[in-house]
Amino acid sequence: MEIFINHGILHIIDNERGQVVLSESELDLDSDMVADFLGRHIKKMMDGNDVKEATFNADSAMLATVGQYIAGEVDFKAASREMCTKLAEIMLENGEIPPADLLVTQFDIKGAKYLSIFKLNHSVFYTHEVKDGQNHIVQSSFALPLGGSKVTEAVIIPYSPMVLKIIEKPHAVQGEIVNYFSQLFLQTGASLSRKQAAKLIKATLEDVVAKHLDGSPIVTAKFQLALIEEAIENDGDVRLESVALQAFGEGAARDEFVAAVREVGIVDDLFLGEKFCIKEFGMTKIKSEGGVELKFPVGVMDDPNVIEFLEQEKSFGVSVKDFRKG
C-alpha cells in the first residue's frame, strides 16, 4: 500500500492545564522521520481488525467542517484548527479525558483522497537523572506513541464514499463512560469493528441456514466462499446483498439475512479486507451429534473428489476422501 501524504499538522490540547496550542504551520513532510511516523500509523489504521466503520450524522458539525475543506471553502490549516477547537471544547469540559496532541493529515492511496485525525494521548514514563553525584528516578512525559505503540483514538475519513474508519477508547464524560470520540467529537451513528461485524455475520448466517436450509454445511460454505471472492474482487470491500444472493438465491433466506444484518447495524457495503476475510471465513466446520467436529476449507465443500454428503433420514452422513495424495 503506497501512501502519498500531502498535508500534516500537529496541534496540542492540554486540558490538564487548560491550554490549547494551535499550530501556525504544517509539518515538514520532506523529513523521512515525519513521513515514516505518519505512514506507519495510517497503515495500522487501514489494516486494523479493531477498526470500526461508521458514517457521520446528518447534523454533525465535523461533517460540515470536512465538507467545507473538500469543497475548497477553507484550506487545510484552517480546517485542522477548527477540528482541534471542537475536540478541545469537549476535553476542557471533561478533565478525565487524557490530554493529547492532535495530528491531522491529508493523503492519497491509489488516487483516492482521505483525511485522518490521530489523537496522540500524552503519557508518562520514568527515567534516571544524575545530579550532584547521585542517581535519581524522575518522571517525564511524551506525546507521540513510541515504537510499536498503538494509537487508541483516531479516524480516517475517505472523501467518497464517506464511510469512516474509527478506533477509540471510552472515557468518563459527566459521570458516564462513553465513546466520546465518535459520539461527541465526530458525531457518528453506531459503529462496529471488523471482528464484531464478522461475529454478527457468522451468527446470522448460522440462524438463517438452520431455519431455511436445514443447517446445510454446503450452503454455509458457499456463503463464506462468496464473501471471500467478493472481498478479493473489490479490494476488501464486501456487499452483503450480493453475497447473500450468490449463496441463497432469491427468496426468504436471502431476504431474512439482509434484513437481520441491517438490524444489528451492519451497513450494506463494508470494508473487511481480503486477508481478514480469508482468515475469518476460509474454514467451515461440520459437527456430529456425538460432538466430533471436522473442519474444511470452504473451497472443497462442493467438490465430490474431496468430500461427499450421504443423505440420511433427518440428517446426513459425510464421506471424506484423502485429497492429500497425488
C-alpha atoms as a PDB file:
ATOM      1  CA  MET A   1       0.000   0.000   0.000  1.00  0.00           C
ATOM      2  CA  GLU A   2       1.670   3.214  -1.185  1.00  0.00           C
ATOM      3  CA  ILE A   3       0.580   6.304   0.727  1.00  0.00           C
ATOM      4  CA  PHE A   4       1.123   9.835  -0.587  1.00  0.00           C
ATOM      5  CA  ILE A   5       0.903  12.308   2.297  1.00  0.00           C
ATOM      6  CA  ASN A   6       0.117  15.820   1.078  1.00  0.00           C
ATOM      7  CA  HIS A   7      -0.521  17.703   4.328  1.00  0.00           C
ATOM      8  CA  GLY A   8       0.150  17.201   8.031  1.00  0.00           C
ATOM      9  CA  ILE A   9      -0.177  19.405  11.087  1.00  0.00           C
ATOM     10  CA  LEU A  10       0.129  18.944  14.862  1.00  0.00           C
ATOM     11  CA  HIS A  11      -1.916  20.819  17.485  1.00  0.00           C
ATOM     12  CA  ILE A  12      -1.788  20.491  21.296  1.00  0.00           C
ATOM     13  CA  ILE A  13      -4.717  20.068  23.705  1.00  0.00           C
ATOM     14  CA  ASP A  14      -3.508  20.116  27.324  1.00  0.00           C
ATOM     15  CA  ASN A  15      -6.797  20.085  29.207  1.00  0.00           C
ATOM     16  CA  GLU A  16      -4.965  19.391  32.485  1.00  0.00           C
ATOM     17  CA  ARG A  17      -3.511  22.909  32.287  1.00  0.00           C
ATOM     18  CA  GLY A  18      -6.380  24.399  30.285  1.00  0.00           C
ATOM     19  CA  GLN A  19      -4.147  25.119  27.283  1.00  0.00           C
ATOM     20  CA  VAL A  20      -4.782  24.710  23.558  1.00  0.00           C
ATOM     21  CA  VAL A  21      -1.887  25.438  21.207  1.00  0.00           C
ATOM     22  CA  LEU A  22      -2.886  25.679  17.544  1.00  0.00           C
ATOM     23  CA  SER A  23       0.000  25.319  15.119  1.00  0.00           C
ATOM     24  CA  GLU A  24       0.699  28.119  12.660  1.00  0.00           C
ATOM     25  CA  SER A  25       2.494  25.882  10.162  1.00  0.00           C
ATOM     26  CA  GLU A  26       2.315  22.382   8.716  1.00  0.00           C
ATOM     27  CA  LEU A  27       4.756  19.561   9.390  1.00  0.00           C
ATOM     28  CA  ASP A  28       7.841  19.164   7.230  1.00  0.00           C
ATOM     29  CA  LEU A  29       6.816  16.250   5.011  1.00  0.00           C
ATOM     30  CA  ASP A  30      10.257  16.180   3.379  1.00  0.00           C
ATOM     31  CA  SER A  31      11.566  14.755   6.639  1.00  0.00           C
ATOM     32  CA  ASP A  32      11.934  10.971   6.392  1.00  0.00           C
ATOM     33  CA  MET A  33      11.241  10.696  10.114  1.00  0.00           C
ATOM     34  CA  VAL A  34       7.927  12.559   9.873  1.00  0.00           C
ATOM     35  CA  ALA A  35       6.839  10.717   6.716  1.00  0.00           C
ATOM     36  CA  ASP A  36       7.676   7.343   8.289  1.00  0.00           C
ATOM     37  CA  PHE A  37       5.818   8.169  11.505  1.00  0.00           C
ATOM     38  CA  LEU A  38       2.685   9.277   9.659  1.00  0.00           C
ATOM     39  CA  GLY A  39       2.785   6.406   7.167  1.00  0.00           C
ATOM     40  CA  ARG A  40       3.135   3.698   9.815  1.00  0.00           C
ATOM     41  CA  HIS A  41       0.123   4.876  11.797  1.00  0.00           C
ATOM     42  CA  ILE A  42      -2.057   5.329   8.709  1.00  0.00           C
ATOM     43  CA  LYS A  43      -1.248   1.766   7.588  1.00  0.00           C
ATOM     44  CA  LYS A  44      -2.127   0.388  11.037  1.00  0.00           C
ATOM     45  CA  MET A  45      -5.483   2.115  10.829  1.00  0.00           C
ATOM     46  CA  MET A  46      -6.236   0.918   7.304  1.00  0.00           C
ATOM     47  CA  ASP A  47      -5.470  -2.725   8.191  1.00  0.00           C
ATOM     48  CA  GLY A  48      -6.562  -2.909  11.830  1.00  0.00           C
ATOM     49  CA  ASN A  49      -9.068  -5.593  12.856  1.00  0.00           C
ATOM     50  CA  ASP A  50     -10.372  -3.419  15.710  1.00  0.00           C
ATOM     51  CA  VAL A  51     -11.227  -0.528  13.382  1.00  0.00           C
ATOM     52  CA  LYS A  52     -14.940   0.292  13.355  1.00  0.00           C
ATOM     53  CA  GLU A  53     -16.866   1.693  10.398  1.00  0.00           C
ATOM     54  CA  ALA A  54     -19.451   4.438  10.754  1.00  0.00           C
ATOM     55  CA  THR A  55     -20.978   7.409   8.953  1.00  0.00           C
ATOM     56  CA  PHE A  56     -21.466  10.996  10.084  1.00  0.00           C
ATOM     57  CA  ASN A  57     -24.860  12.017  11.401  1.00  0.00           C
ATOM     58  CA  ALA A  58     -26.522  14.497   9.045  1.00  0.00           C
ATOM     59  CA  ASP A  59     -26.217  17.303  11.613  1.00  0.00           C
ATOM     60  CA  SER A  60     -22.580  16.567  12.545  1.00  0.00           C
ATOM     61  CA  ALA A  61     -20.513  19.726  12.964  1.00  0.00           C
ATOM     62  CA  MET A  62     -17.422  17.716  11.957  1.00  0.00           C
ATOM     63  CA  LEU A  63     -19.147  16.679   8.719  1.00  0.00           C
ATOM     64  CA  ALA A  64     -19.713  20.363   7.955  1.00  0.00           C
ATOM     65  CA  THR A  65     -16.024  21.165   8.535  1.00  0.00           C
ATOM     66  CA  VAL A  66     -14.862  18.247   6.375  1.00  0.00           C
ATOM     67  CA  GLY A  67     -17.322  19.251   3.653  1.00  0.00           C
ATOM     68  CA  GLN A  68     -16.026  22.825   3.610  1.00  0.00           C
ATOM     69  CA  TYR A  69     -12.453  21.584   3.223  1.00  0.00           C
ATOM     70  CA  ILE A  70     -13.279  19.133   0.430  1.00  0.00           C
ATOM     71  CA  ALA A  71     -15.237  21.867  -1.377  1.00  0.00           C
ATOM     72  CA  GLY A  72     -12.223  24.216  -1.163  1.00  0.00           C
ATOM     73  CA  GLU A  73     -14.022  26.737   1.046  1.00  0.00           C
ATOM     74  CA  VAL A  74     -11.272  26.547   3.698  1.00  0.00           C
ATOM     75  CA  ASP A  75      -7.632  25.459   3.466  1.00  0.00           C
ATOM     76  CA  PHE A  76      -6.057  22.538   5.284  1.00  0.00           C
ATOM     77  CA  LYS A  77      -4.626  24.532   8.194  1.00  0.00           C
ATOM     78  CA  ALA A  78      -7.922  26.307   8.885  1.00  0.00           C
ATOM     79  CA  ALA A  79      -9.902  23.065   8.716  1.00  0.00           C
ATOM     80  CA  SER A  80      -7.485  21.309  11.097  1.00  0.00           C
ATOM     81  CA  ARG A  81      -7.636  24.198  13.574  1.00  0.00           C
ATOM     82  CA  GLU A  82     -11.436  24.015  13.535  1.00  0.00           C
ATOM     83  CA  MET A  83     -11.265  20.249  14.197  1.00  0.00           C
ATOM     84  CA  CYS A  84      -8.883  20.784  17.103  1.00  0.00           C
ATOM     85  CA  THR A  85     -11.083  23.523  18.576  1.00  0.00           C
ATOM     86  CA  LYS A  86     -14.143  21.226  18.505  1.00  0.00           C
ATOM     87  CA  LEU A  87     -12.291  18.435  20.306  1.00  0.00           C
ATOM     88  CA  ALA A  88     -10.720  20.874  22.783  1.00  0.00           C
ATOM     89  CA  GLU A  89     -14.159  22.140  23.824  1.00  0.00           C
ATOM     90  CA  ILE A  90     -15.158  18.582  24.788  1.00  0.00           C
ATOM     91  CA  MET A  91     -11.879  17.830  26.549  1.00  0.00           C
ATOM     92  CA  LEU A  92     -11.727  21.094  28.528  1.00  0.00           C
ATOM     93  CA  GLU A  93     -15.178  20.322  29.952  1.00  0.00           C
ATOM     94  CA  ASN A  94     -14.206  16.752  30.829  1.00  0.00           C
ATOM     95  CA  GLY A  95     -10.877  16.585  32.621  1.00  0.00           C
ATOM     96  CA  GLU A  96     -10.759  12.779  32.768  1.00  0.00           C
ATOM     97  CA  ILE A  97     -10.147  12.604  29.026  1.00  0.00           C
ATOM     98  CA  PRO A  98      -6.347  12.360  28.579  1.00  0.00           C
ATOM     99  CA  PRO A  99      -4.534  15.444  27.218  1.00  0.00           C
ATOM    100  CA  ALA A 100      -3.099  14.909  23.758  1.00  0.00           C
ATOM    101  CA  ASP A 101      -1.506  16.159  20.598  1.00  0.00           C
ATOM    102  CA  LEU A 102      -3.884  16.165  17.638  1.00  0.00           C
ATOM    103  CA  LEU A 103      -2.315  15.064  14.360  1.00  0.00           C
ATOM    104  CA  VAL A 104      -4.311  15.844  11.206  1.00  0.00           C
ATOM    105  CA  THR A 105      -3.227  14.657   7.755  1.00  0.00           C
ATOM    106  CA  GLN A 106      -4.478  14.575   4.186  1.00  0.00           C
ATOM    107  CA  PHE A 107      -3.242  11.740   1.975  1.00  0.00           C
ATOM    108  CA  ASP A 108      -3.929   9.707  -1.165  1.00  0.00           C
ATOM    109  CA  ILE A 109      -3.989   5.936  -1.751  1.00  0.00           C
ATOM    110  CA  LYS A 110      -4.454   4.668  -5.319  1.00  0.00           C
ATOM    111  CA  GLY A 111      -5.842   8.044  -6.340  1.00  0.00           C
ATOM    112  CA  ALA A 112      -8.476   8.092  -3.565  1.00  0.00           C
ATOM    113  CA  LYS A 113      -8.319  11.013  -1.140  1.00  0.00           C
ATOM    114  CA  TYR A 114      -8.527  10.800   2.662  1.00  0.00           C
ATOM    115  CA  LEU A 115      -8.304  12.892   5.815  1.00  0.00           C
ATOM    116  CA  SER A 116      -7.099  11.414   9.090  1.00  0.00           C
ATOM    117  CA  ILE A 117      -7.192  12.615  12.684  1.00  0.00           C
ATOM    118  CA  PHE A 118      -4.993  10.940  15.299  1.00  0.00           C
ATOM    119  CA  LYS A 119      -5.370  11.820  18.977  1.00  0.00           C
ATOM    120  CA  LEU A 120      -1.944  11.081  20.447  1.00  0.00           C
ATOM    121  CA  ASN A 121      -2.503  10.903  24.184  1.00  0.00           C
ATOM    122  CA  HIS A 122       0.186  12.299  26.481  1.00  0.00           C
ATOM    123  CA  SER A 123       1.775   9.529  28.501  1.00  0.00           C
ATOM    124  CA  VAL A 124       4.129   9.283  31.440  1.00  0.00           C
ATOM    125  CA  PHE A 125       7.410   7.396  31.640  1.00  0.00           C
ATOM    126  CA  TYR A 126      10.240   7.163  34.149  1.00  0.00           C
ATOM    127  CA  THR A 127      13.942   7.617  33.544  1.00  0.00           C
ATOM    128  CA  HIS A 128      17.061   8.455  35.544  1.00  0.00           C
ATOM    129  CA  GLU A 129      18.791  11.712  36.307  1.00  0.00           C
ATOM    130  CA  VAL A 130      22.296  12.230  37.688  1.00  0.00           C
ATOM    131  CA  LYS A 131      22.554  15.237  39.987  1.00  0.00           C
ATOM    132  CA  ASP A 132      25.366  16.160  42.410  1.00  0.00           C
ATOM    133  CA  GLY A 133      26.854  12.692  42.088  1.00  0.00           C
ATOM    134  CA  GLN A 134      23.586  10.967  42.977  1.00  0.00           C
ATOM    135  CA  ASN A 135      21.276   8.944  40.735  1.00  0.00           C
ATOM    136  CA  HIS A 136      17.563   9.795  40.851  1.00  0.00           C
ATOM    137  CA  ILE A 137      14.408   8.390  39.300  1.00  0.00           C
ATOM    138  CA  VAL A 138      12.452  11.147  37.589  1.00  0.00           C
ATOM    139  CA  GLN A 139       9.115  11.305  35.821  1.00  0.00           C
ATOM    140  CA  SER A 140       8.866  12.650  32.285  1.00  0.00           C
ATOM    141  CA  SER A 141       6.076  12.875  29.721  1.00  0.00           C
ATOM    142  CA  PHE A 142       5.850  12.382  25.983  1.00  0.00           C
ATOM    143  CA  ALA A 143       3.047  12.813  23.473  1.00  0.00           C
ATOM    144  CA  LEU A 144       3.755  10.666  20.461  1.00  0.00           C
ATOM    145  CA  PRO A 145       3.428   6.868  20.662  1.00  0.00           C
ATOM    146  CA  LEU A 146       6.798   5.154  20.678  1.00  0.00           C
ATOM    147  CA  GLY A 147       7.938   2.182  18.591  1.00  0.00           C
ATOM    148  CA  GLY A 148       5.105  -0.299  18.118  1.00  0.00           C
ATOM    149  CA  SER A 149       2.716   1.508  20.485  1.00  0.00           C
ATOM    150  CA  LYS A 150      -0.885   1.691  19.369  1.00  0.00           C
ATOM    151  CA  VAL A 151      -2.901   4.860  18.950  1.00  0.00           C
ATOM    152  CA  THR A 152      -6.201   4.386  20.807  1.00  0.00           C
ATOM    153  CA  GLU A 153      -8.279   7.201  19.257  1.00  0.00           C
ATOM    154  CA  ALA A 154      -8.218   8.055  15.559  1.00  0.00           C
ATOM    155  CA  VAL A 155     -10.341   8.319  12.439  1.00  0.00           C
ATOM    156  CA  ILE A 156      -9.720   8.019   8.705  1.00  0.00           C
ATOM    157  CA  ILE A 157     -12.223   9.879   6.527  1.00  0.00           C
ATOM    158  CA  PRO A 158     -12.458   8.886   2.835  1.00  0.00           C
ATOM    159  CA  TYR A 159     -13.779  11.633   0.589  1.00  0.00           C
ATOM    160  CA  SER A 160     -16.110   9.187  -1.166  1.00  0.00           C
ATOM    161  CA  PRO A 161     -17.865   7.085  -0.080  1.00  0.00           C
ATOM    162  CA  MET A 162     -17.567   8.755   3.311  1.00  0.00           C
ATOM    163  CA  VAL A 163     -17.530   5.626   5.473  1.00  0.00           C
ATOM    164  CA  LEU A 164     -15.273   6.401   8.418  1.00  0.00           C
ATOM    165  CA  LYS A 165     -12.716   4.055   9.964  1.00  0.00           C
ATOM    166  CA  ILE A 166     -12.547   4.650  13.723  1.00  0.00           C
ATOM    167  CA  ILE A 167     -10.600   3.343  16.683  1.00  0.00           C
ATOM    168  CA  GLU A 168     -11.444   4.675  20.119  1.00  0.00           C
ATOM    169  CA  LYS A 169     -11.363   4.119  23.847  1.00  0.00           C
ATOM    170  CA  PRO A 170     -14.257   5.185  26.074  1.00  0.00           C
ATOM    171  CA  HIS A 171     -13.721   7.747  28.836  1.00  0.00           C
ATOM    172  CA  ALA A 172     -15.791   9.372  31.557  1.00  0.00           C
ATOM    173  CA  VAL A 173     -17.973  12.260  30.393  1.00  0.00           C
ATOM    174  CA  GLN A 174     -20.239  13.843  33.026  1.00  0.00           C
ATOM    175  CA  GLY A 175     -20.033  10.732  35.162  1.00  0.00           C
ATOM    176  CA  GLU A 176     -20.761   8.225  32.381  1.00  0.00           C
ATOM    177  CA  ILE A 177     -18.327   6.094  30.353  1.00  0.00           C
ATOM    178  CA  VAL A 178     -18.952   6.905  26.693  1.00  0.00           C
ATOM    179  CA  ASN A 179     -17.240   6.721  23.317  1.00  0.00           C
ATOM    180  CA  TYR A 180     -16.835  10.485  23.262  1.00  0.00           C
ATOM    181  CA  PHE A 181     -14.530  10.452  20.202  1.00  0.00           C
ATOM    182  CA  SER A 182     -17.211   9.103  17.853  1.00  0.00           C
ATOM    183  CA  GLN A 183     -20.356  10.235  19.660  1.00  0.00           C
ATOM    184  CA  LEU A 184     -19.431  13.772  20.738  1.00  0.00           C
ATOM    185  CA  PHE A 185     -16.495  14.786  18.545  1.00  0.00           C
ATOM    186  CA  LEU A 186     -17.202  13.129  15.183  1.00  0.00           C
ATOM    187  CA  GLN A 187     -20.933  12.756  15.833  1.00  0.00           C
ATOM    188  CA  THR A 188     -21.439   9.459  14.036  1.00  0.00           C
ATOM    189  CA  GLY A 189     -24.036   6.731  14.182  1.00  0.00           C
ATOM    190  CA  ALA A 190     -23.457   3.285  15.684  1.00  0.00           C
ATOM    191  CA  SER A 191     -20.300   1.529  14.540  1.00  0.00           C
ATOM    192  CA  LEU A 192     -18.785  -1.949  14.546  1.00  0.00           C
ATOM    193  CA  SER A 193     -15.239  -3.262  14.256  1.00  0.00           C
ATOM    194  CA  ARG A 194     -14.352  -5.892  11.664  1.00  0.00           C
ATOM    195  CA  LYS A 195     -14.193  -8.511  14.414  1.00  0.00           C
ATOM    196  CA  GLN A 196     -17.624  -7.533  15.685  1.00  0.00           C
ATOM    197  CA  ALA A 197     -19.078  -7.467  12.158  1.00  0.00           C
ATOM    198  CA  ALA A 198     -17.636 -10.911  11.342  1.00  0.00           C
ATOM    199  CA  LYS A 199     -19.066 -12.367  14.556  1.00  0.00           C
ATOM    200  CA  LEU A 200     -22.533 -10.992  13.777  1.00  0.00           C
ATOM    201  CA  ILE A 201     -22.389 -12.176  10.153  1.00  0.00           C
ATOM    202  CA  LYS A 202     -21.484 -15.707  11.279  1.00  0.00           C
ATOM    203  CA  ALA A 203     -24.267 -15.795  13.880  1.00  0.00           C
ATOM    204  CA  THR A 204     -26.845 -14.506  11.394  1.00  0.00           C
ATOM    205  CA  LEU A 205     -25.677 -16.963   8.730  1.00  0.00           C
ATOM    206  CA  GLU A 206     -26.000 -19.873  11.158  1.00  0.00           C
ATOM    207  CA  ASP A 207     -29.539 -18.829  12.159  1.00  0.00           C
ATOM    208  CA  VAL A 208     -30.751 -18.335   8.572  1.00  0.00           C
ATOM    209  CA  VAL A 209     -29.243 -21.594   7.274  1.00  0.00           C
ATOM    210  CA  ALA A 210     -30.717 -23.531  10.211  1.00  0.00           C
ATOM    211  CA  LYS A 211     -34.161 -22.020   9.708  1.00  0.00           C
ATOM    212  CA  HIS A 212     -34.461 -22.144   5.921  1.00  0.00           C
ATOM    213  CA  LEU A 213     -31.906 -24.690   4.684  1.00  0.00           C
ATOM    214  CA  ASP A 214     -31.808 -27.465   7.306  1.00  0.00           C
ATOM    215  CA  GLY A 215     -28.433 -26.310   8.563  1.00  0.00           C
ATOM    216  CA  SER A 216     -26.735 -27.241   5.283  1.00  0.00           C
ATOM    217  CA  PRO A 217     -22.937 -27.002   5.648  1.00  0.00           C
ATOM    218  CA  ILE A 218     -22.682 -26.734   1.855  1.00  0.00           C
ATOM    219  CA  VAL A 219     -24.767 -23.529   1.794  1.00  0.00           C
ATOM    220  CA  THR A 220     -22.786 -22.136   4.714  1.00  0.00           C
ATOM    221  CA  ALA A 221     -19.526 -22.818   2.869  1.00  0.00           C
ATOM    222  CA  LYS A 222     -20.990 -21.360  -0.325  1.00  0.00           C
ATOM    223  CA  PHE A 223     -21.785 -18.119   1.508  1.00  0.00           C
ATOM    224  CA  GLN A 224     -18.322 -17.926   3.066  1.00  0.00           C
ATOM    225  CA  LEU A 225     -16.627 -18.575  -0.273  1.00  0.00           C
ATOM    226  CA  ALA A 226     -18.782 -15.931  -1.975  1.00  0.00           C
ATOM    227  CA  LEU A 227     -17.845 -13.436   0.733  1.00  0.00           C
ATOM    228  CA  ILE A 228     -14.120 -14.117   0.267  1.00  0.00           C
ATOM    229  CA  GLU A 229     -14.406 -13.807  -3.523  1.00  0.00           C
ATOM    230  CA  GLU A 230     -16.341 -10.546  -3.120  1.00  0.00           C
ATOM    231  CA  ALA A 231     -13.569  -9.119  -0.920  1.00  0.00           C
ATOM    232  CA  ILE A 232     -10.845 -10.199  -3.375  1.00  0.00           C
ATOM    233  CA  GLU A 233     -12.661  -8.695  -6.363  1.00  0.00           C
ATOM    234  CA  ASN A 234     -13.366  -5.379  -4.619  1.00  0.00           C
ATOM    235  CA  ASP A 235     -10.102  -4.650  -2.766  1.00  0.00           C
ATOM    236  CA  GLY A 236     -11.517  -5.760   0.582  1.00  0.00           C
ATOM    237  CA  ASP A 237     -14.991  -4.228   0.253  1.00  0.00           C
ATOM    238  CA  VAL A 238     -17.944  -6.576   0.732  1.00  0.00           C
ATOM    239  CA  ARG A 239     -21.543  -6.090  -0.440  1.00  0.00           C
ATOM    240  CA  LEU A 240     -23.553  -8.446   1.731  1.00  0.00           C
ATOM    241  CA  GLU A 241     -26.647  -8.279  -0.501  1.00  0.00           C
ATOM    242  CA  SER A 242     -24.576  -9.580  -3.403  1.00  0.00           C
ATOM    243  CA  VAL A 243     -23.008 -12.310  -1.252  1.00  0.00           C
ATOM    244  CA  ALA A 244     -26.417 -13.412   0.062  1.00  0.00           C
ATOM    245  CA  LEU A 245     -27.824 -13.563  -3.459  1.00  0.00           C
ATOM    246  CA  GLN A 246     -24.959 -15.809  -4.608  1.00  0.00           C
ATOM    247  CA  ALA A 247     -25.333 -18.114  -1.610  1.00  0.00           C
ATOM    248  CA  PHE A 248     -29.109 -18.269  -1.178  1.00  0.00           C
ATOM    249  CA  GLY A 249     -30.525 -17.094  -4.496  1.00  0.00           C
ATOM    250  CA  GLU A 250     -33.813 -15.178  -4.498  1.00  0.00           C
ATOM    251  CA  GLY A 251     -36.168 -15.979  -1.661  1.00  0.00           C
ATOM    252  CA  ALA A 252     -36.891 -15.896   2.055  1.00  0.00           C
ATOM    253  CA  ALA A 253     -33.406 -16.934   3.196  1.00  0.00           C
ATOM    254  CA  ARG A 254     -31.724 -14.084   1.343  1.00  0.00           C
ATOM    255  CA  ASP A 255     -34.326 -11.520   2.435  1.00  0.00           C
ATOM    256  CA  GLU A 256     -34.126 -12.552   6.083  1.00  0.00           C
ATOM    257  CA  PHE A 257     -30.324 -12.499   6.115  1.00  0.00           C
ATOM    258  CA  VAL A 258     -30.129  -8.996   4.598  1.00  0.00           C
ATOM    259  CA  ALA A 259     -32.783  -7.659   6.984  1.00  0.00           C
ATOM    260  CA  ALA A 260     -31.090  -9.255  10.007  1.00  0.00           C
ATOM    261  CA  VAL A 261     -27.613  -7.822   9.360  1.00  0.00           C
ATOM    262  CA  ARG A 262     -29.081  -4.377   8.782  1.00  0.00           C
ATOM    263  CA  GLU A 263     -30.974  -4.607  12.045  1.00  0.00           C
ATOM    264  CA  VAL A 264     -27.777  -5.234  14.021  1.00  0.00           C
ATOM    265  CA  GLY A 265     -26.077  -2.222  12.445  1.00  0.00           C
ATOM    266  CA  ILE A 266     -24.010  -3.739   9.632  1.00  0.00           C
ATOM    267  CA  VAL A 267     -24.002  -1.491   6.567  1.00  0.00           C
ATOM    268  CA  ASP A 268     -24.699  -2.997   3.138  1.00  0.00           C
ATOM    269  CA  ASP A 269     -21.213  -2.155   1.883  1.00  0.00           C
ATOM    270  CA  LEU A 270     -18.460  -2.628   4.415  1.00  0.00           C
ATOM    271  CA  PHE A 271     -14.699  -2.999   4.342  1.00  0.00           C
ATOM    272  CA  LEU A 272     -13.409  -6.273   5.798  1.00  0.00           C
ATOM    273  CA  GLY A 273     -10.182  -6.729   3.849  1.00  0.00           C
ATOM    274  CA  GLU A 274      -9.047  -9.727   1.815  1.00  0.00           C
ATOM    275  CA  LYS A 275      -6.704 -11.239   4.410  1.00  0.00           C
ATOM    276  CA  PHE A 276      -9.221 -10.785   7.206  1.00  0.00           C
ATOM    277  CA  CYS A 277     -11.981 -12.475   5.201  1.00  0.00           C
ATOM    278  CA  ILE A 278      -9.765 -15.428   4.330  1.00  0.00           C
ATOM    279  CA  LYS A 279      -8.734 -15.783   7.983  1.00  0.00           C
ATOM    280  CA  GLU A 280     -12.261 -15.470   9.397  1.00  0.00           C
ATOM    281  CA  PHE A 281     -14.301 -17.230   6.695  1.00  0.00           C
ATOM    282  CA  GLY A 282     -11.807 -19.513   4.958  1.00  0.00           C
ATOM    283  CA  MET A 283     -12.724 -22.597   7.008  1.00  0.00           C
ATOM    284  CA  THR A 284     -16.078 -24.179   7.766  1.00  0.00           C
ATOM    285  CA  LYS A 285     -16.970 -26.988  10.140  1.00  0.00           C
ATOM    286  CA  ILE A 286     -19.314 -29.937  10.493  1.00  0.00           C
ATOM    287  CA  LYS A 287     -20.247 -31.179  13.942  1.00  0.00           C
ATOM    288  CA  SER A 288     -21.767 -34.585  14.639  1.00  0.00           C
ATOM    289  CA  GLU A 289     -24.385 -35.337  17.268  1.00  0.00           C
ATOM    290  CA  GLY A 290     -21.633 -37.043  19.244  1.00  0.00           C
ATOM    291  CA  GLY A 291     -19.614 -33.830  19.334  1.00  0.00           C
ATOM    292  CA  VAL A 292     -16.991 -34.761  16.720  1.00  0.00           C
ATOM    293  CA  GLU A 293     -16.035 -31.662  14.718  1.00  0.00           C
ATOM    294  CA  LEU A 294     -14.486 -31.664  11.257  1.00  0.00           C
ATOM    295  CA  LYS A 295     -13.062 -28.517   9.669  1.00  0.00           C
ATOM    296  CA  PHE A 296     -12.649 -27.970   5.910  1.00  0.00           C
ATOM    297  CA  PRO A 297     -11.510 -25.178   3.592  1.00  0.00           C
ATOM    298  CA  VAL A 298     -14.684 -23.639   2.145  1.00  0.00           C
ATOM    299  CA  GLY A 299     -13.460 -24.224  -1.396  1.00  0.00           C
ATOM    300  CA  VAL A 300     -13.682 -28.041  -1.135  1.00  0.00           C
ATOM    301  CA  MET A 301     -17.165 -28.398   0.328  1.00  0.00           C
ATOM    302  CA  ASP A 302     -18.868 -28.896  -3.038  1.00  0.00           C
ATOM    303  CA  ASP A 303     -16.042 -30.961  -4.552  1.00  0.00           C
ATOM    304  CA  PRO A 304     -17.116 -34.677  -4.696  1.00  0.00           C
ATOM    305  CA  ASN A 305     -13.468 -35.671  -5.109  1.00  0.00           C
ATOM    306  CA  VAL A 306     -12.784 -34.410  -1.594  1.00  0.00           C
ATOM    307  CA  ILE A 307     -15.979 -34.718   0.436  1.00  0.00           C
ATOM    308  CA  GLU A 308     -19.271 -36.466  -0.202  1.00  0.00           C
ATOM    309  CA  PHE A 309     -22.515 -35.926   1.721  1.00  0.00           C
ATOM    310  CA  LEU A 310     -24.648 -39.036   2.156  1.00  0.00           C
ATOM    311  CA  GLU A 311     -28.353 -38.400   2.591  1.00  0.00           C
ATOM    312  CA  GLN A 312     -29.931 -39.978   5.668  1.00  0.00           C
ATOM    313  CA  GLU A 313     -33.309 -39.611   7.289  1.00  0.00           C
ATOM    314  CA  LYS A 314     -33.463 -36.229   9.096  1.00  0.00           C
ATOM    315  CA  SER A 315     -29.668 -35.919   8.846  1.00  0.00           C
ATOM    316  CA  PHE A 316     -26.700 -36.570   6.591  1.00  0.00           C
ATOM    317  CA  GLY A 317     -23.533 -38.615   6.573  1.00  0.00           C
ATOM    318  CA  VAL A 318     -20.110 -37.488   5.430  1.00  0.00           C
ATOM    319  CA  SER A 319     -17.533 -39.378   3.413  1.00  0.00           C
ATOM    320  CA  VAL A 320     -14.136 -37.682   3.402  1.00  0.00           C
ATOM    321  CA  LYS A 321     -11.587 -38.748   0.799  1.00  0.00           C
ATOM    322  CA  ASP A 322      -7.822 -38.438   1.152  1.00  0.00           C
ATOM    323  CA  PHE A 323      -7.153 -35.466  -1.141  1.00  0.00           C
ATOM    324  CA  ARG A 324      -3.549 -35.062   0.062  1.00  0.00           C
ATOM    325  CA  LYS A 325      -2.333 -37.791  -2.238  1.00  0.00           C
ATOM    326  CA  GLY A 326      -1.408 -37.185  -5.858  1.00  0.00           C
END
